[in-house]
Protein backbone atom coordinates (compact mmCIF):
# COMPACT_ATOMS: atom_id res chain seq x y z
CA MET A 1 77.03 19.66 -46.15
CA ALA A 2 75.39 18.47 -42.91
CA ILE A 3 71.98 19.82 -43.96
CA ALA A 4 72.22 18.12 -47.35
CA ALA A 5 73.27 14.82 -45.77
CA ALA A 6 70.51 14.92 -43.14
CA HIS A 7 67.82 15.63 -45.75
CA ARG A 8 68.95 12.72 -47.92
CA LEU A 9 69.45 10.21 -45.09
CA ASN A 10 66.32 10.88 -43.00
CA GLY A 11 68.41 12.64 -40.40
CA GLU A 12 68.21 15.43 -37.87
CA LEU A 13 70.99 17.83 -36.92
CA VAL A 14 72.63 18.12 -33.53
CA SER A 15 74.81 21.22 -33.25
CA VAL A 16 78.33 20.67 -31.91
CA ASP A 17 79.08 24.37 -31.55
CA SER A 18 79.97 25.92 -28.21
CA ARG A 19 78.64 29.35 -29.31
CA GLN A 20 75.37 28.40 -31.00
CA VAL A 21 74.02 27.29 -27.62
CA TYR A 22 73.52 30.98 -26.72
CA THR A 23 70.26 32.73 -27.51
CA HIS A 24 70.23 36.09 -29.33
CA CYS A 25 73.67 35.38 -30.89
CA ASP A 26 72.40 34.35 -34.31
CA ILE A 27 74.51 36.21 -36.87
CA GLY A 28 77.79 36.07 -34.95
CA THR A 29 77.61 32.31 -34.42
CA ASN A 30 76.34 31.59 -37.95
CA LYS A 31 73.29 29.62 -36.80
CA PRO A 32 71.43 27.89 -39.62
CA THR A 33 68.30 29.82 -40.59
CA PRO A 34 64.87 28.16 -40.97
CA HIS A 35 65.17 28.76 -44.71
CA GLU A 36 68.53 26.96 -44.85
CA LEU A 37 67.20 24.08 -42.74
CA GLY A 38 64.18 23.59 -45.01
CA GLY A 39 62.08 22.02 -42.25
CA LEU A 40 64.98 20.01 -40.80
CA GLY A 41 65.33 19.88 -37.02
CA CYS A 42 68.52 21.23 -35.42
CA ARG A 43 69.03 20.55 -31.72
CA LEU A 44 71.25 22.23 -29.11
CA VAL A 45 70.86 25.67 -30.62
CA ASP A 46 69.47 28.45 -28.37
CA VAL A 47 69.88 26.51 -25.12
CA VAL A 48 70.86 29.24 -22.62
CA ASP A 49 71.03 33.02 -22.57
CA PRO A 50 74.43 34.73 -23.02
CA GLY A 51 74.70 35.49 -19.30
CA THR A 52 74.41 31.84 -18.23
CA PRO A 53 77.52 29.62 -17.96
CA PHE A 54 77.42 26.50 -20.13
CA THR A 55 79.99 23.73 -19.71
CA VAL A 56 81.23 20.73 -21.65
CA ALA A 57 79.38 18.56 -19.13
CA ASP A 58 76.15 20.47 -19.84
CA TYR A 59 76.60 19.87 -23.55
CA GLN A 60 77.40 16.20 -23.09
CA ARG A 61 74.29 15.62 -20.97
CA LEU A 62 71.93 17.37 -23.40
CA ALA A 63 73.52 15.85 -26.50
CA MET A 64 73.17 12.31 -25.12
CA VAL A 65 69.43 12.94 -24.75
CA ALA A 66 69.16 14.50 -28.22
CA VAL A 67 70.93 11.60 -29.93
CA ALA A 68 68.80 9.05 -28.05
CA ASP A 69 65.59 10.89 -29.01
CA ILE A 70 66.53 11.07 -32.70
CA ASN A 71 67.48 7.39 -32.72
CA HIS A 72 64.22 6.47 -31.00
CA GLU A 73 62.29 8.33 -33.69
CA GLY A 74 64.02 6.26 -36.38
CA ARG A 75 66.18 9.01 -37.81
CA LEU A 76 69.93 9.45 -38.19
CA PRO A 77 71.61 11.89 -35.77
CA VAL A 78 73.92 14.13 -37.83
CA LEU A 79 76.29 15.99 -35.52
CA GLN A 80 77.71 19.10 -37.14
CA GLY A 81 80.08 21.77 -35.89
CA GLY A 82 83.67 22.38 -34.97
CA SER A 83 83.89 22.42 -31.15
CA GLY A 84 86.28 19.49 -30.84
CA LEU A 85 86.14 19.30 -27.05
CA TYR A 86 82.34 18.93 -27.16
CA LEU A 87 82.49 16.24 -29.82
CA ARG A 88 85.18 14.21 -28.07
CA ALA A 89 83.47 14.47 -24.67
CA LEU A 90 80.28 13.12 -26.25
CA LEU A 91 81.66 10.38 -28.51
CA ASP A 92 84.34 9.22 -26.05
CA GLY A 93 82.03 9.35 -23.03
CA TRP A 94 84.21 11.51 -20.79
CA ASN A 95 83.33 11.37 -17.11
CA LEU A 96 82.71 15.03 -16.28
CA ALA A 97 80.03 14.75 -13.63
CA ASP A 98 82.45 14.74 -10.69
CA ALA A 99 83.99 18.12 -11.56
CA PRO A 100 81.20 20.71 -11.49
CA PRO A 101 82.09 24.34 -12.28
CA ASN A 102 83.45 26.34 -9.34
CA PRO A 103 82.66 30.04 -9.97
CA GLU A 104 85.01 31.40 -7.30
CA LEU A 105 87.93 29.25 -8.44
CA ARG A 106 87.24 30.09 -12.06
CA ALA A 107 87.19 33.82 -11.28
CA ALA A 108 90.56 33.49 -9.55
CA LEU A 109 92.03 31.63 -12.52
CA GLU A 110 90.64 34.22 -14.92
CA GLN A 111 92.26 36.95 -12.83
CA ARG A 112 95.56 35.09 -13.02
CA LEU A 113 95.15 34.87 -16.77
CA GLU A 114 94.77 38.65 -16.95
CA LEU A 115 97.73 39.32 -14.63
CA GLU A 116 100.17 36.54 -15.57
CA GLY A 117 99.14 35.62 -19.10
CA ALA A 118 98.35 32.32 -20.80
CA GLU A 119 101.97 31.10 -20.66
CA SER A 120 101.86 30.94 -16.86
CA LEU A 121 98.70 28.80 -16.86
CA ASP A 122 100.12 26.59 -19.60
CA THR A 123 103.31 26.01 -17.57
CA GLU A 124 101.31 25.09 -14.46
CA LEU A 125 98.98 22.76 -16.37
CA ARG A 126 101.91 21.11 -18.15
CA GLY A 127 103.48 20.36 -14.78
CA ILE A 128 100.24 18.73 -13.60
CA ASP A 129 99.16 16.94 -16.75
CA PRO A 130 101.07 17.29 -20.06
CA GLU A 131 98.30 15.44 -21.93
CA SER A 132 95.71 18.02 -20.88
CA ALA A 133 98.10 20.85 -21.73
CA ASP A 134 98.53 19.44 -25.24
CA ARG A 135 94.74 19.17 -25.60
CA ALA A 136 94.21 22.74 -24.42
CA GLN A 137 96.58 24.13 -27.10
CA ARG A 138 97.00 27.27 -24.97
CA ASN A 139 93.30 28.05 -25.34
CA PRO A 140 92.64 30.08 -22.16
CA ARG A 141 89.16 28.64 -21.54
CA ARG A 142 90.41 25.06 -21.85
CA MET A 143 93.41 25.68 -19.62
CA ILE A 144 91.24 27.28 -16.95
CA ARG A 145 88.77 24.39 -17.07
CA ALA A 146 91.56 21.80 -16.82
CA LEU A 147 93.11 23.56 -13.81
CA GLU A 148 89.63 23.81 -12.28
CA ILE A 149 89.07 20.05 -12.70
CA HIS A 150 92.43 19.37 -11.02
CA ALA A 151 91.64 21.67 -8.11
CA VAL A 152 88.16 20.20 -7.58
CA THR A 153 88.99 16.50 -8.02
CA GLY A 154 92.64 16.40 -6.93
CA ARG A 155 93.40 14.35 -10.05
CA PRO A 156 95.02 15.20 -13.38
CA PRO A 157 92.26 16.26 -15.79
CA SER A 158 93.05 13.45 -18.24
CA VAL A 159 92.49 10.93 -15.41
CA ALA A 160 89.36 12.68 -14.15
CA ARG A 161 88.01 12.35 -17.69
CA GLU A 162 88.17 8.58 -17.78
CA SER A 163 85.95 7.46 -20.61
CA ASP A 164 82.83 5.33 -20.90
CA PRO A 165 82.00 5.61 -24.61
CA PRO A 166 78.34 5.30 -25.61
CA PRO A 167 77.42 2.20 -27.67
CA TRP A 168 77.16 4.03 -30.98
CA SER A 169 78.69 3.31 -34.35
CA THR A 170 79.96 6.62 -35.73
CA THR A 171 81.37 7.98 -38.96
CA ILE A 172 83.38 11.17 -38.49
CA ILE A 173 83.96 13.31 -41.59
CA GLY A 174 86.24 16.33 -41.87
CA LEU A 175 85.86 18.75 -44.75
CA ASP A 176 89.17 18.97 -46.61
CA VAL A 177 89.48 22.57 -47.83
CA PRO A 178 92.81 24.12 -48.94
CA LEU A 179 94.05 26.74 -46.47
CA ALA A 180 94.04 29.54 -49.02
CA GLU A 181 90.41 28.80 -49.86
CA LEU A 182 89.55 28.51 -46.17
CA ASP A 183 91.11 31.92 -45.47
CA ARG A 184 89.16 33.46 -48.36
CA ARG A 185 85.89 31.99 -47.09
CA ILE A 186 86.53 33.19 -43.54
CA GLU A 187 87.14 36.75 -44.68
CA ALA A 188 84.05 36.68 -46.91
CA ARG A 189 81.92 35.24 -44.10
CA VAL A 190 82.94 37.93 -41.60
CA SER A 191 82.05 40.60 -44.17
CA GLN A 192 78.69 38.93 -44.85
CA MET A 193 77.93 38.80 -41.12
CA LEU A 194 78.67 42.51 -40.75
CA ASP A 195 76.46 43.28 -43.76
CA ALA A 196 73.68 41.18 -42.20
CA GLY A 197 73.52 43.37 -39.08
CA TRP A 198 76.05 41.80 -36.74
CA VAL A 199 76.96 45.13 -35.10
CA ASP A 200 73.31 45.73 -34.12
CA GLU A 201 73.09 42.17 -32.76
CA VAL A 202 76.17 42.72 -30.59
CA ALA A 203 74.76 46.01 -29.31
CA ARG A 204 71.49 44.30 -28.29
CA VAL A 205 73.26 41.40 -26.59
CA HIS A 206 75.66 43.69 -24.72
CA GLN A 207 72.81 45.91 -23.53
CA ALA A 208 70.62 42.99 -22.41
CA PHE A 209 73.47 40.98 -20.81
CA PRO A 210 76.11 43.52 -19.74
CA THR A 211 77.96 41.06 -17.46
CA ALA A 212 78.16 38.23 -20.03
CA ASP A 213 81.66 36.98 -20.82
CA LEU A 214 81.96 38.15 -24.41
CA ARG A 215 84.84 35.74 -25.10
CA ARG A 216 82.43 32.83 -24.56
CA LEU A 217 80.11 34.14 -27.26
CA GLY A 218 82.68 33.84 -30.02
CA HIS A 219 85.23 35.73 -32.05
CA GLY A 220 84.12 39.22 -32.98
CA TYR A 221 81.81 39.95 -30.03
CA PRO A 222 84.51 41.57 -27.84
CA GLU A 223 85.94 43.45 -30.83
CA LEU A 224 82.57 44.82 -31.90
CA VAL A 225 81.82 45.96 -28.34
CA ASP A 226 85.16 47.79 -28.45
CA TYR A 227 84.00 49.38 -31.72
CA LEU A 228 80.66 50.39 -30.20
CA ASP A 229 82.47 51.91 -27.21
CA GLY A 230 84.85 53.85 -29.45
CA ARG A 231 88.00 51.87 -28.65
CA LEU A 232 88.38 50.35 -32.13
CA SER A 233 87.46 51.37 -35.65
CA LEU A 234 85.10 49.06 -37.49
CA THR A 235 87.89 48.18 -39.92
CA ASP A 236 90.22 47.21 -37.08
CA ALA A 237 87.47 45.20 -35.37
CA ARG A 238 86.77 43.37 -38.63
CA ASP A 239 90.43 42.68 -39.35
CA SER A 240 91.04 41.42 -35.81
CA THR A 241 88.05 39.09 -36.07
CA VAL A 242 89.20 37.67 -39.41
CA ARG A 243 92.68 37.08 -37.99
CA GLN A 244 91.37 35.32 -34.88
CA VAL A 245 88.97 33.09 -36.81
CA ARG A 246 91.79 32.07 -39.16
CA GLN A 247 93.95 31.16 -36.15
CA TYR A 248 91.08 29.22 -34.62
CA ALA A 249 90.48 27.32 -37.87
CA ARG A 250 94.11 26.19 -37.82
CA ARG A 251 93.76 25.01 -34.21
CA GLN A 252 90.66 23.08 -35.27
CA LEU A 253 92.62 21.38 -38.05
CA THR A 254 95.41 20.46 -35.62
CA TRP A 255 92.86 19.02 -33.17
CA PHE A 256 90.88 16.97 -35.70
CA ARG A 257 93.87 15.77 -37.72
CA ALA A 258 95.21 14.19 -34.53
CA ASP A 259 92.04 12.04 -34.37
CA ARG A 260 92.56 9.02 -36.62
CA ARG A 261 88.83 8.37 -36.77
CA VAL A 262 88.26 11.44 -38.93
CA GLN A 263 87.85 10.70 -42.65
CA TRP A 264 88.89 13.74 -44.68
CA LEU A 265 86.77 14.36 -47.76
CA PRO A 266 86.27 17.20 -50.25
CA ALA A 267 83.24 19.37 -49.54
CA ASP A 268 81.08 17.37 -51.93
CA PRO A 269 77.60 16.36 -50.72
CA ASP A 270 77.36 13.25 -52.94
CA MET A 271 80.68 11.89 -51.65
CA ILE A 272 79.79 12.66 -48.02
CA VAL A 273 76.34 11.07 -48.24
CA GLU A 274 77.83 7.96 -49.83
CA ARG A 275 80.44 7.66 -47.07
CA LEU A 276 77.73 8.01 -44.42
CA ARG A 277 75.63 5.35 -46.17
CA VAL A 278 78.60 2.98 -46.08
CA GLY A 279 79.02 3.68 -42.37
CA MET A 280 75.32 2.97 -41.72
CA MET A 281 75.42 -0.31 -43.65
CA THR A 282 78.56 -1.40 -41.80
CA ALA A 283 76.90 -0.61 -38.46
CA GLU A 284 73.77 -2.58 -39.39
CA ALA A 285 75.85 -5.57 -40.51
CA SER A 286 77.72 -5.67 -37.22
């Protein structure tokens, strides 16, 4: 849908995907291929290698530059992807610069996650900042980052993220797909990725970057490493991946449905392009 809209509206894509930033992880993160793009630019794909940490603040900084460049060249920035934290940090102008990553603190929090479980971190975060706990939705990475921000800044994460929104007019569109159809597509996509050589991709990434945090790379990478190491059958790895992606898709829906700016439309390119055109005309008029 984003590719079709960008082609018809003189646009360029900006990925809003926390996994597509990693090089070498092409199949498992479903990066658009050159054939699919048809000559269209797509920024913030292949930014860092899988062994390099990449934060929300890193994304925000690079995306601001990408949007400004596309605007300067007279084209429409079309942001596409489902990493809600990245999108909100960018569009709402979160102040993240004063809370840089702290590797030692993060390692300690990750160890606590392993020993105490996610419920313990959720309880601690909820006592510090219920708003941030609700945003994290018990996602371990988000909880760890929120606790890290609190430890570094001494402030609740929601306060540390005081906003300075950029002066853009935006139209946010969510694709309205029935859950049963979404589940079917997820299962089919995982199977297609395996058929396309995903296991070999995971083997190459794991060999080249043995210390990379596989959870950062996306659902399926840890499971397929377990398959390669003989700890899981391929069927079990596949089924676990499908189950996790379905759960993640529901968390995405919960996140985006809480944002009243999102306009939910059927996955129809004509309808989406028309809604974007209306948004552009409204912005020009104002």
